[in-house]
């Protein structure tokens, strides 16, 4: 199975590190976020990895070459001309994936010990278009699910913004973990081009496609979005 690690972001919340480096190379207990995610995928036999690059792309490419991909076959998807966000970045990398094969994506600034094997088993049993990991942790932006874990909408509790794509009397809010299993058919169904988020893709497809949440509450999880989150990540991932 192939995976894609999203590494192209500007990392504006991670300054001053990202004034001179890509966030993907920020260190947690001596290992970069990129190395940690590559080694995380290896635990589940995933060694074919696509990495998209934009911000300080040359530093990421050099690190991959210097370390021989940390034991994985790493292919670069070059977004140096324009940052495309997660959805646009995935679509640009379409030709690097094996046609007809399901694949996984994750974000370089997320660390977790979620069992990908269990996520894949869930996906294969339920057979949705997309399965993504979720937890019950507190955040400001939530996906909304029905009692069968089907994606119905999205909510921002800070701004009050809400999008309901599948009407349901019961809506359960869960936090997104950014580890996702896709069927290859998602490329045919994506209704956008250019720069767009995967969140937009999920919500656009939710009414007509089965998209499921896989709850892994209780697993280790760190969103290394800001410099102060390094200490939290270091306390969880050695």
Protein backbone atom coordinates (compact mmCIF):
# COMPACT_ATOMS: atom_id res chain seq x y z
CA UNK A 1 0.00 0.00 0.00
CA UNK A 2 1.16 3.54 -0.76
CA UNK A 3 0.96 6.53 1.54
CA UNK A 4 1.27 10.27 1.13
CA UNK A 5 2.64 12.56 3.83
CA UNK A 6 1.60 16.20 3.46
CA UNK A 7 4.71 18.36 3.97
CA UNK A 8 4.10 21.36 1.72
CA UNK A 9 2.53 23.76 4.23
CA UNK A 10 4.08 27.12 5.09
CA UNK A 11 3.98 26.39 8.83
CA UNK A 12 3.04 29.95 9.72
CA UNK A 13 2.01 28.91 13.25
CA UNK A 14 5.43 27.32 13.73
CA UNK A 15 7.57 30.45 13.44
CA UNK A 16 10.44 31.24 14.00
CA UNK A 17 11.58 27.74 12.93
CA UNK A 18 9.71 28.00 9.64
CA UNK A 19 11.42 31.30 8.76
CA UNK A 20 14.43 29.21 7.75
CA UNK A 21 13.24 25.57 7.66
CA UNK A 22 10.23 23.48 6.64
CA UNK A 23 8.09 22.30 9.55
CA UNK A 24 8.61 18.71 8.35
CA UNK A 25 12.21 18.86 9.59
CA UNK A 26 11.40 20.14 13.09
CA UNK A 27 12.83 17.76 15.68
CA UNK A 28 10.99 15.76 18.35
CA UNK A 29 13.47 13.98 20.61
CA UNK A 30 16.14 14.12 17.92
CA UNK A 31 14.05 12.86 15.01
CA UNK A 32 12.31 15.06 12.45
CA UNK A 33 8.54 14.97 12.08
CA UNK A 34 9.06 13.56 8.58
CA UNK A 35 11.32 10.74 9.78
CA UNK A 36 8.86 9.89 12.56
CA UNK A 37 5.95 9.63 10.12
CA UNK A 38 7.94 7.54 7.65
CA UNK A 39 8.98 5.16 10.44
CA UNK A 40 5.40 5.12 11.76
CA UNK A 41 4.14 3.93 8.36
CA UNK A 42 6.90 1.31 8.23
CA UNK A 43 5.46 -0.31 11.36
CA UNK A 44 2.48 -1.34 9.21
CA UNK A 45 4.51 -2.47 6.20
CA UNK A 46 4.03 0.76 4.25
CA UNK A 47 7.31 1.72 2.58
CA UNK A 48 6.15 3.42 -0.63
CA UNK A 49 5.68 7.04 0.39
CA UNK A 50 4.87 10.20 -1.57
CA UNK A 51 5.96 13.47 0.05
CA UNK A 52 4.75 16.80 -1.29
CA UNK A 53 7.05 19.81 -0.93
CA UNK A 54 6.78 23.58 -1.28
CA UNK A 55 8.20 25.60 1.63
CA UNK A 56 12.03 25.10 1.70
CA UNK A 57 11.47 22.14 -0.61
CA UNK A 58 15.21 21.69 -1.21
CA UNK A 59 15.82 21.02 2.49
CA UNK A 60 13.28 18.20 2.53
CA UNK A 61 14.61 16.68 -0.70
CA UNK A 62 18.18 16.85 0.65
CA UNK A 63 17.15 15.20 3.96
CA UNK A 64 15.38 12.37 2.13
CA UNK A 65 18.42 11.74 -0.10
CA UNK A 66 20.93 12.00 2.75
CA UNK A 67 19.02 9.45 4.82
CA UNK A 68 18.02 7.17 1.94
CA UNK A 69 14.37 7.80 2.73
CA UNK A 70 14.94 6.38 6.24
CA UNK A 71 14.51 2.94 4.69
CA UNK A 72 11.45 3.74 2.57
CA UNK A 73 10.97 4.43 -1.13
CA UNK A 74 10.18 8.16 -1.07
CA UNK A 75 8.83 9.93 -4.16
CA UNK A 76 8.67 13.74 -4.20
CA UNK A 77 5.59 15.58 -5.46
CA UNK A 78 6.89 19.04 -6.30
CA UNK A 79 4.58 21.95 -5.44
CA UNK A 80 7.28 24.65 -5.41
CA UNK A 81 5.32 26.81 -7.87
CA UNK A 82 2.16 26.95 -5.77
CA UNK A 83 1.04 25.59 -2.42
CA UNK A 84 -2.13 23.59 -3.11
CA UNK A 85 -3.35 22.64 0.41
CA UNK A 86 -4.13 19.02 1.23
CA UNK A 87 -6.81 18.35 -1.38
CA UNK A 88 -5.00 20.08 -4.22
CA UNK A 89 -1.75 18.45 -3.18
CA UNK A 90 -3.33 15.01 -3.26
CA UNK A 91 -4.88 15.62 -6.70
CA UNK A 92 -1.55 16.87 -8.11
CA UNK A 93 0.09 13.62 -6.93
CA UNK A 94 -2.55 11.44 -8.62
CA UNK A 95 -0.17 10.04 -11.25
CA UNK A 96 2.24 8.88 -8.53
CA UNK A 97 -0.35 6.47 -7.09
CA UNK A 98 -1.08 2.97 -8.38
CA UNK A 99 -4.38 3.10 -10.31
CA UNK A 100 -7.19 1.19 -8.62
CA UNK A 101 -5.33 0.71 -5.32
CA UNK A 102 -6.45 2.17 -2.00
CA UNK A 103 -3.91 4.39 -0.21
CA UNK A 104 -3.30 6.32 3.01
CA UNK A 105 -2.55 9.98 3.72
CA UNK A 106 -1.28 11.65 6.87
CA UNK A 107 -0.06 15.10 7.91
CA UNK A 108 3.61 15.53 8.81
CA UNK A 109 2.80 17.63 11.89
CA UNK A 110 0.56 14.96 13.45
CA UNK A 111 2.08 12.21 15.61
CA UNK A 112 -0.03 9.28 16.78
CA UNK A 113 0.24 5.60 17.64
CA UNK A 114 -3.09 4.79 15.96
CA UNK A 115 -3.03 1.20 14.69
CA UNK A 116 -3.22 1.68 10.91
CA UNK A 117 -3.87 -2.04 10.51
CA UNK A 118 -7.11 -1.69 12.44
CA UNK A 119 -8.08 1.39 10.42
CA UNK A 120 -7.53 -0.52 7.17
CA UNK A 121 -9.50 -3.54 8.47
CA UNK A 122 -12.37 -1.21 9.40
CA UNK A 123 -12.26 0.33 5.93
CA UNK A 124 -12.21 -3.04 4.17
CA UNK A 125 -15.12 -4.34 6.23
CA UNK A 126 -17.33 -1.27 5.84
CA UNK A 127 -16.28 -0.47 2.25
CA UNK A 128 -16.73 3.31 2.22
CA UNK A 129 -15.03 5.64 -0.25
CA UNK A 130 -13.04 7.20 2.59
CA UNK A 131 -12.33 6.26 6.22
CA UNK A 132 -10.54 8.69 8.50
CA UNK A 133 -9.37 8.51 12.07
CA UNK A 134 -11.16 10.58 14.73
CA UNK A 135 -11.11 10.99 18.50
CA UNK A 136 -13.22 12.53 21.23
CA UNK A 137 -10.60 15.13 22.14
CA UNK A 138 -11.52 18.80 22.48
CA UNK A 139 -10.85 21.18 19.60
CA UNK A 140 -12.63 24.09 17.90
CA UNK A 141 -13.37 22.36 14.59
CA UNK A 142 -15.29 19.10 14.51
CA UNK A 143 -16.63 16.66 11.97
CA UNK A 144 -20.21 15.60 12.64
CA UNK A 145 -21.32 11.96 12.40
CA UNK A 146 -24.52 9.98 12.74
CA UNK A 147 -24.85 7.01 15.10
CA UNK A 148 -23.33 4.73 12.43
CA UNK A 149 -20.18 6.89 12.14
CA UNK A 150 -21.19 8.27 8.73
CA UNK A 151 -19.92 11.78 8.02
CA UNK A 152 -22.79 14.28 8.00
CA UNK A 153 -21.16 17.68 8.38
CA UNK A 154 -18.68 20.01 10.03
CA UNK A 155 -18.77 22.59 12.81
CA UNK A 156 -16.51 25.39 14.04
CA UNK A 157 -17.40 26.03 17.67
CA UNK A 158 -15.40 29.29 17.77
CA UNK A 159 -17.10 30.99 14.84
CA UNK A 160 -20.43 29.17 14.95
CA UNK A 161 -20.04 28.14 11.31
CA UNK A 162 -21.70 24.82 10.48
CA UNK A 163 -22.20 22.76 7.34
CA UNK A 164 -24.69 19.91 7.36
CA UNK A 165 -24.51 17.75 4.24
CA UNK A 166 -26.53 14.76 5.49
CA UNK A 167 -29.52 15.62 7.67
CA UNK A 168 -29.76 13.57 10.84
CA UNK A 169 -31.47 13.98 14.21
CA UNK A 170 -28.35 12.84 16.04
CA UNK A 171 -25.04 14.54 15.23
CA UNK A 172 -21.96 13.45 17.17
CA UNK A 173 -18.95 15.73 17.01
CA UNK A 174 -15.46 14.23 16.79
CA UNK A 175 -11.98 15.63 16.18
CA UNK A 176 -10.07 14.82 12.98
CA UNK A 177 -6.78 12.90 13.34
CA UNK A 178 -5.55 13.42 9.75
CA UNK A 179 -4.85 9.72 9.06
CA UNK A 180 -7.04 8.68 6.14
CA UNK A 181 -7.70 5.65 3.92
CA UNK A 182 -8.94 6.47 0.42
CA UNK A 183 -10.24 4.37 -2.41
CA UNK A 184 -8.52 5.37 -5.65
CA UNK A 185 -11.94 6.31 -7.06
CA UNK A 186 -11.77 9.52 -5.01
CA UNK A 187 -9.71 11.07 -7.81
CA UNK A 188 -12.58 10.61 -10.26
CA UNK A 189 -15.10 12.04 -7.81
CA UNK A 190 -13.21 15.13 -6.59
CA UNK A 191 -15.26 18.17 -7.65
CA UNK A 192 -12.40 20.68 -7.35
CA UNK A 193 -9.17 21.66 -9.07
CA UNK A 194 -6.25 23.87 -8.05
CA UNK A 195 -5.94 24.83 -4.38
CA UNK A 196 -8.41 23.21 -1.97
CA UNK A 197 -8.60 21.33 1.33
CA UNK A 198 -9.46 17.69 1.92
CA UNK A 199 -12.15 18.96 4.30
CA UNK A 200 -13.85 20.52 1.25
CA UNK A 201 -13.64 17.15 -0.53
CA UNK A 202 -15.18 15.24 2.38
CA UNK A 203 -18.08 17.65 2.72
CA UNK A 204 -18.72 17.87 -1.02
CA UNK A 205 -18.91 14.07 -1.32
CA UNK A 206 -20.63 13.24 1.99
CA UNK A 207 -24.22 13.34 0.70
CA UNK A 208 -23.67 10.87 -2.15
CA UNK A 209 -20.70 8.78 -0.96
CA UNK A 210 -20.15 6.80 2.22
CA UNK A 211 -17.45 8.49 4.30
CA UNK A 212 -16.83 7.01 7.75
CA UNK A 213 -15.04 8.01 10.94
CA UNK A 214 -12.90 5.47 12.80
CA UNK A 215 -12.73 6.36 16.49
CA UNK A 216 -9.35 5.69 18.11
CA UNK A 217 -9.89 7.71 21.28
CA UNK A 218 -7.28 6.75 23.89
CA UNK A 219 -4.36 6.41 21.48
CA UNK A 220 -1.41 8.77 21.74
CA UNK A 221 -1.91 11.92 19.67
CA UNK A 222 0.00 15.18 19.27
CA UNK A 223 -0.73 18.04 16.90
CA UNK A 224 2.69 19.64 16.50
CA UNK A 225 1.28 22.82 15.00
CA UNK A 226 3.08 25.33 17.22
CA UNK A 227 6.57 25.43 18.76
CA UNK A 228 5.14 24.94 22.26
CA UNK A 229 3.61 21.61 21.13
CA UNK A 230 7.11 20.12 20.76
CA UNK A 231 7.33 19.59 24.53
CA UNK A 232 3.96 17.79 24.52
CA UNK A 233 5.05 15.60 21.60
CA UNK A 234 8.37 14.80 23.30
CA UNK A 235 6.56 13.63 26.42
CA UNK A 236 4.55 11.14 24.32
CA UNK A 237 6.94 10.04 21.57
CA UNK A 238 10.46 9.07 22.54
